[in-house]
Amino acid sequence: MIASTDPEVRTFPDLKELSNAAAVQFRSLAITAISEGGRFTAALSGGNTPKELYALLAKRPYSDRIAWEHVHLFWADERCVPPGHDESNFRLVQEQLLSGVSIPPKNIHRIKGERGAVQAAKEYEQHLREFFGGNGCPVLDAVILGVGADGHTASLFPGLRHVDECDRLVLPVSPGYQRKDRVTLALPVLNHAKHVLILASGTAKQRVIRSILGDGNPDDLPAGLVRPLSGACTWFLDQDAAAQLPGDKDAWQWKAPGQ
């Protein structure tokens, strides 16, 4: 798959400002999608950085400006654990966002990881095809992703062949390294989204950010392969994560508009 959209990079002094900017973007995308098409579809990820975004979205001035009854939430990936497990991405979103907004239960489309990676992936792919229709990739309005220190995003890990999958929408993943099995959206689904927001913060991300954004992703790290075909991809970085990028990082500085 050859992507046609270059990513935009925005840097911020800290995680708080990064999260506020991402929340402004999410709110704007939701309002536009609902106004133009009657609904807003978004796939969410777990992780400490997106966690701050979800907490903001559950509060004013974000929660009260989004018509949550028209929002459909999906998951970019999930561990094979029950929904109440400490490591569940669904639980993270439930605690930080869903508990604070009025979204109909039928609009919450979680991955049922407790059924095992193979079965959960099969069921979620079928659900996506039924919801979006057609035989091709679903087109999500927005996808929220994080980045691991190893360059993984969603549950697409370096060195595993699932990053090359072109036919399936949802994949079972056994990452090893004593990690739990997972279920993830395939790369083509991410690259068919209208908007992808990739959030990264902290010094542990410096090397991988430099490799992907500064050096052109020579190692084909999965996070660097997220390049929407016709949509937009924006990286939201705090200064710690962006510290090893070359050039004038102040030129990338972006401040959220008034709220």
Protein backbone atom coordinates (compact mmCIF):
# COMPACT_ATOMS: atom_id res chain seq x y z
CA MET A 1 0.00 0.00 0.00
CA ILE A 2 1.41 3.39 -0.97
CA ALA A 3 0.23 6.25 1.20
CA SER A 4 -0.17 9.69 -0.26
CA THR A 5 -0.42 11.95 2.77
CA ASP A 6 2.57 13.38 4.62
CA PRO A 7 2.04 13.70 8.37
CA GLU A 8 1.78 17.00 10.20
CA VAL A 9 3.83 17.34 13.37
CA ARG A 10 2.79 19.56 16.28
CA THR A 11 4.85 19.98 19.44
CA PHE A 12 3.76 21.22 22.84
CA PRO A 13 5.50 22.12 26.09
CA ASP A 14 3.94 19.29 28.07
CA LEU A 15 1.33 16.54 28.11
CA LYS A 16 -1.36 18.87 29.41
CA GLU A 17 -1.15 21.21 26.42
CA LEU A 18 -0.77 18.28 24.02
CA SER A 19 -3.95 16.72 25.39
CA ASN A 20 -5.88 19.97 25.22
CA ALA A 21 -4.92 20.42 21.58
CA ALA A 22 -5.92 16.85 20.74
CA ALA A 23 -9.25 17.36 22.52
CA VAL A 24 -9.92 20.50 20.49
CA GLN A 25 -9.17 18.54 17.31
CA PHE A 26 -11.36 15.60 18.34
CA ARG A 27 -14.25 17.90 19.20
CA SER A 28 -13.94 19.74 15.88
CA LEU A 29 -13.88 16.48 13.91
CA ALA A 30 -16.93 15.19 15.78
CA ILE A 31 -18.95 18.34 15.23
CA THR A 32 -18.10 18.42 11.52
CA ALA A 33 -18.80 14.72 10.91
CA ILE A 34 -22.14 14.83 12.72
CA SER A 35 -23.14 18.00 10.89
CA GLU A 36 -22.24 16.58 7.48
CA GLY A 37 -23.08 12.90 7.85
CA GLY A 38 -25.19 12.47 10.95
CA ARG A 39 -22.65 10.45 12.91
CA PHE A 40 -19.04 10.39 14.06
CA THR A 41 -17.03 7.16 14.13
CA ALA A 42 -13.77 6.97 16.05
CA ALA A 43 -11.39 4.18 17.04
CA LEU A 44 -9.62 4.63 20.39
CA SER A 45 -6.42 3.21 21.86
CA GLY A 46 -5.12 2.58 25.35
CA GLY A 47 -2.01 4.00 26.96
CA ASN A 48 -1.03 6.74 29.38
CA THR A 49 -0.88 9.50 26.78
CA PRO A 50 -4.37 9.00 25.25
CA LYS A 51 -5.69 8.57 28.80
CA GLU A 52 -5.28 12.29 29.41
CA LEU A 53 -7.23 13.08 26.24
CA TYR A 54 -10.16 10.89 27.27
CA ALA A 55 -10.33 12.51 30.70
CA LEU A 56 -10.56 15.95 29.06
CA LEU A 57 -13.27 14.87 26.63
CA ALA A 58 -15.46 13.84 29.56
CA LYS A 59 -15.41 17.40 30.90
CA ARG A 60 -16.48 20.83 29.71
CA PRO A 61 -15.85 22.54 27.32
CA TYR A 62 -15.62 19.29 25.34
CA SER A 63 -18.29 16.99 26.74
CA ASP A 64 -21.13 19.46 26.33
CA ARG A 65 -20.28 20.43 22.75
CA ILE A 66 -20.31 16.96 21.26
CA ALA A 67 -23.62 15.27 20.41
CA TRP A 68 -22.63 11.96 22.00
CA GLU A 69 -25.83 10.24 20.90
CA HIS A 70 -24.41 10.42 17.36
CA VAL A 71 -20.91 9.20 18.30
CA HIS A 72 -19.88 5.59 17.65
CA LEU A 73 -16.74 4.43 19.44
CA PHE A 74 -14.58 1.54 18.28
CA TRP A 75 -11.22 0.28 19.52
CA ALA A 76 -7.95 0.20 17.59
CA ASP A 77 -6.80 -2.76 19.67
CA GLU A 78 -7.45 -4.71 22.82
CA ARG A 79 -5.71 -7.21 25.06
CA CYS A 80 -7.29 -10.62 25.49
CA VAL A 81 -8.63 -9.91 28.95
CA PRO A 82 -12.13 -9.35 30.38
CA PRO A 83 -13.49 -5.81 30.03
CA GLY A 84 -13.04 -5.12 33.74
CA HIS A 85 -9.37 -6.17 33.78
CA ASP A 86 -6.72 -3.63 34.81
CA GLU A 87 -5.03 -4.00 31.39
CA SER A 88 -8.21 -3.64 29.33
CA ASN A 89 -8.22 -0.73 26.89
CA PHE A 90 -12.00 -0.74 27.13
CA ARG A 91 -11.81 -0.28 30.90
CA LEU A 92 -9.46 2.68 30.47
CA VAL A 93 -11.90 4.42 28.14
CA GLN A 94 -14.85 3.43 30.33
CA GLU A 95 -13.31 4.99 33.42
CA GLN A 96 -11.89 8.11 31.79
CA LEU A 97 -14.53 8.96 29.17
CA LEU A 98 -17.64 6.81 28.97
CA SER A 99 -18.50 7.25 32.63
CA GLY A 100 -18.70 10.99 32.11
CA VAL A 101 -20.76 11.34 28.91
CA SER A 102 -24.17 10.21 27.73
CA ILE A 103 -23.42 7.81 24.89
CA PRO A 104 -25.92 5.06 24.06
CA PRO A 105 -24.65 1.54 24.86
CA LYS A 106 -25.41 0.48 21.27
CA ASN A 107 -22.86 3.07 20.10
CA ILE A 108 -20.04 1.44 22.05
CA HIS A 109 -18.36 -1.17 19.85
CA ARG A 110 -15.74 -2.88 21.99
CA ILE A 111 -13.47 -5.74 21.04
CA LYS A 112 -14.41 -8.82 23.08
CA GLY A 113 -10.86 -9.84 23.87
CA GLU A 114 -11.96 -12.24 26.60
CA ARG A 115 -13.08 -14.65 23.85
CA GLY A 116 -9.49 -15.21 22.75
CA ALA A 117 -7.51 -13.48 20.01
CA VAL A 118 -8.63 -15.58 17.05
CA GLN A 119 -12.34 -15.60 17.85
CA ALA A 120 -12.44 -11.96 18.98
CA ALA A 121 -10.69 -10.83 15.78
CA LYS A 122 -13.10 -12.81 13.63
CA GLU A 123 -16.15 -11.40 15.41
CA TYR A 124 -14.89 -7.81 15.35
CA GLU A 125 -14.11 -7.95 11.65
CA GLN A 126 -17.62 -9.22 10.96
CA HIS A 127 -19.05 -6.46 13.12
CA LEU A 128 -17.07 -3.80 11.24
CA ARG A 129 -18.24 -5.12 7.88
CA GLU A 130 -21.86 -5.13 9.02
CA PHE A 131 -21.68 -1.65 10.51
CA PHE A 132 -19.84 0.08 7.68
CA GLY A 133 -21.13 -2.08 4.83
CA GLY A 134 -19.30 -3.14 1.70
CA ASN A 135 -16.37 -5.47 1.21
CA GLY A 136 -13.57 -2.93 1.42
CA CYS A 137 -11.97 -1.16 4.37
CA PRO A 138 -14.24 0.81 6.68
CA VAL A 139 -13.59 4.54 6.68
CA LEU A 140 -13.44 5.81 10.23
CA ASP A 141 -13.78 9.53 10.83
CA ALA A 142 -10.96 9.47 13.37
CA VAL A 143 -8.42 7.11 14.89
CA ILE A 144 -6.55 7.90 18.11
CA LEU A 145 -3.21 6.12 18.42
CA GLY A 146 -0.30 6.06 20.81
CA VAL A 147 3.29 4.99 20.19
CA GLY A 148 5.36 2.47 22.12
CA ALA A 149 9.04 2.95 22.84
CA ASP A 150 9.64 0.06 20.41
CA GLY A 151 7.72 1.79 17.61
CA HIS A 152 4.51 -0.21 17.85
CA THR A 153 1.11 1.39 17.50
CA ALA A 154 -2.29 -0.18 18.19
CA SER A 155 -1.06 -3.80 18.52
CA LEU A 156 1.08 -3.69 15.39
CA PHE A 157 4.53 -4.67 16.65
CA PRO A 158 7.95 -4.47 14.95
CA GLY A 159 9.18 -7.74 13.55
CA LEU A 160 5.78 -9.39 13.23
CA ARG A 161 4.39 -10.08 9.77
CA HIS A 162 0.90 -8.85 10.62
CA VAL A 163 1.97 -5.36 9.52
CA ASP A 164 1.94 -6.73 5.95
CA GLU A 165 -1.67 -7.96 6.11
CA CYS A 166 -3.73 -6.49 3.28
CA ASP A 167 -6.90 -8.60 3.23
CA ARG A 168 -8.17 -8.85 6.77
CA LEU A 169 -9.51 -5.90 8.77
CA VAL A 170 -8.82 -7.26 12.26
CA LEU A 171 -5.96 -9.48 13.35
CA PRO A 172 -5.12 -11.75 16.29
CA VAL A 173 -1.66 -10.94 17.66
CA SER A 174 0.68 -12.96 19.85
CA PRO A 175 3.49 -10.50 20.60
CA GLY A 176 5.45 -12.74 22.94
CA TYR A 177 7.81 -11.09 25.44
CA GLN A 178 5.48 -12.38 28.17
CA ARG A 179 2.79 -10.04 26.86
CA LYS A 180 -0.84 -11.04 26.60
CA ASP A 181 -2.36 -11.95 23.24
CA ARG A 182 -4.14 -9.07 21.55
CA VAL A 183 -6.53 -8.10 18.80
CA THR A 184 -5.76 -5.17 16.51
CA LEU A 185 -7.10 -3.28 13.54
CA ALA A 186 -4.97 -4.03 10.50
CA LEU A 187 -2.78 -1.31 8.99
CA PRO A 188 -5.04 -0.79 5.93
CA VAL A 189 -7.94 0.12 8.23
CA LEU A 190 -5.80 2.76 9.95
CA ASN A 191 -4.70 4.09 6.58
CA HIS A 192 -8.24 4.43 5.28
CA ALA A 193 -9.28 6.71 8.14
CA LYS A 194 -10.17 10.33 7.42
CA HIS A 195 -8.10 11.59 10.33
CA VAL A 196 -5.42 9.89 12.43
CA LEU A 197 -4.15 11.52 15.62
CA ILE A 198 -0.93 9.98 16.98
CA LEU A 199 -0.05 11.04 20.52
CA ALA A 200 3.40 10.60 22.07
CA SER A 201 4.93 12.01 25.22
CA GLY A 202 7.94 11.45 27.45
CA THR A 203 11.67 10.92 27.06
CA ALA A 204 11.24 7.17 26.48
CA LYS A 205 9.78 7.99 23.06
CA GLN A 206 12.66 10.19 21.86
CA ARG A 207 14.55 7.54 19.92
CA VAL A 208 11.56 6.14 18.10
CA ILE A 209 10.20 9.61 17.27
CA ARG A 210 13.56 10.61 15.83
CA SER A 211 13.72 7.42 13.78
CA ILE A 212 10.22 7.79 12.34
CA LEU A 213 9.91 11.54 11.87
CA GLY A 214 13.53 12.66 11.73
CA ASP A 215 15.22 9.81 9.85
CA GLY A 216 12.40 8.70 7.54
CA ASN A 217 11.54 5.46 9.37
CA PRO A 218 14.42 3.35 7.99
CA ASP A 219 13.41 0.37 10.15
CA ASP A 220 9.80 0.41 8.93
CA LEU A 221 8.49 0.77 12.45
CA PRO A 222 4.73 0.21 12.50
CA ALA A 223 3.88 3.66 13.87
CA GLY A 224 5.69 5.20 10.92
CA LEU A 225 3.67 3.11 8.47
CA VAL A 226 0.47 4.89 9.48
CA ARG A 227 0.13 7.25 6.52
CA PRO A 228 -3.51 7.67 5.45
CA LEU A 229 -4.16 7.24 1.74
CA SER A 230 -6.35 10.31 1.41
CA GLY A 231 -6.93 11.41 5.00
CA ALA A 232 -4.83 13.47 7.39
CA CYS A 233 -2.28 12.25 9.93
CA THR A 234 -1.21 14.53 12.78
CA TRP A 235 1.44 13.75 15.36
CA PHE A 236 0.96 15.43 18.74
CA LEU A 237 4.27 15.45 20.66
CA ASP A 238 5.39 17.00 23.90
CA GLN A 239 8.85 18.57 24.07
CA ASP A 240 10.36 15.52 25.77
CA ALA A 241 9.26 13.17 22.98
CA ALA A 242 10.38 15.62 20.28
CA ALA A 243 13.74 16.49 21.84
CA GLN A 244 15.88 14.55 19.36
CA LEU A 245 14.14 15.74 16.21
CA PRO A 246 16.41 17.78 13.92
CA GLY A 247 15.76 21.37 12.88
CA ASP A 248 13.78 24.15 14.47
CA LYS A 249 11.10 22.51 16.57
CA ASP A 250 9.62 25.92 17.35
CA ALA A 251 8.47 26.02 13.73
CA TRP A 252 6.15 23.12 14.56
CA GLN A 253 4.68 24.84 17.60
CA TRP A 254 0.87 25.07 17.53
CA LYS A 255 -1.43 26.52 20.13
CA ALA A 256 -5.02 25.46 20.61
CA PRO A 257 -7.57 28.09 19.60
CA GLY A 258 -9.70 29.74 22.26
CA GLN A 259 -12.18 27.41 23.90
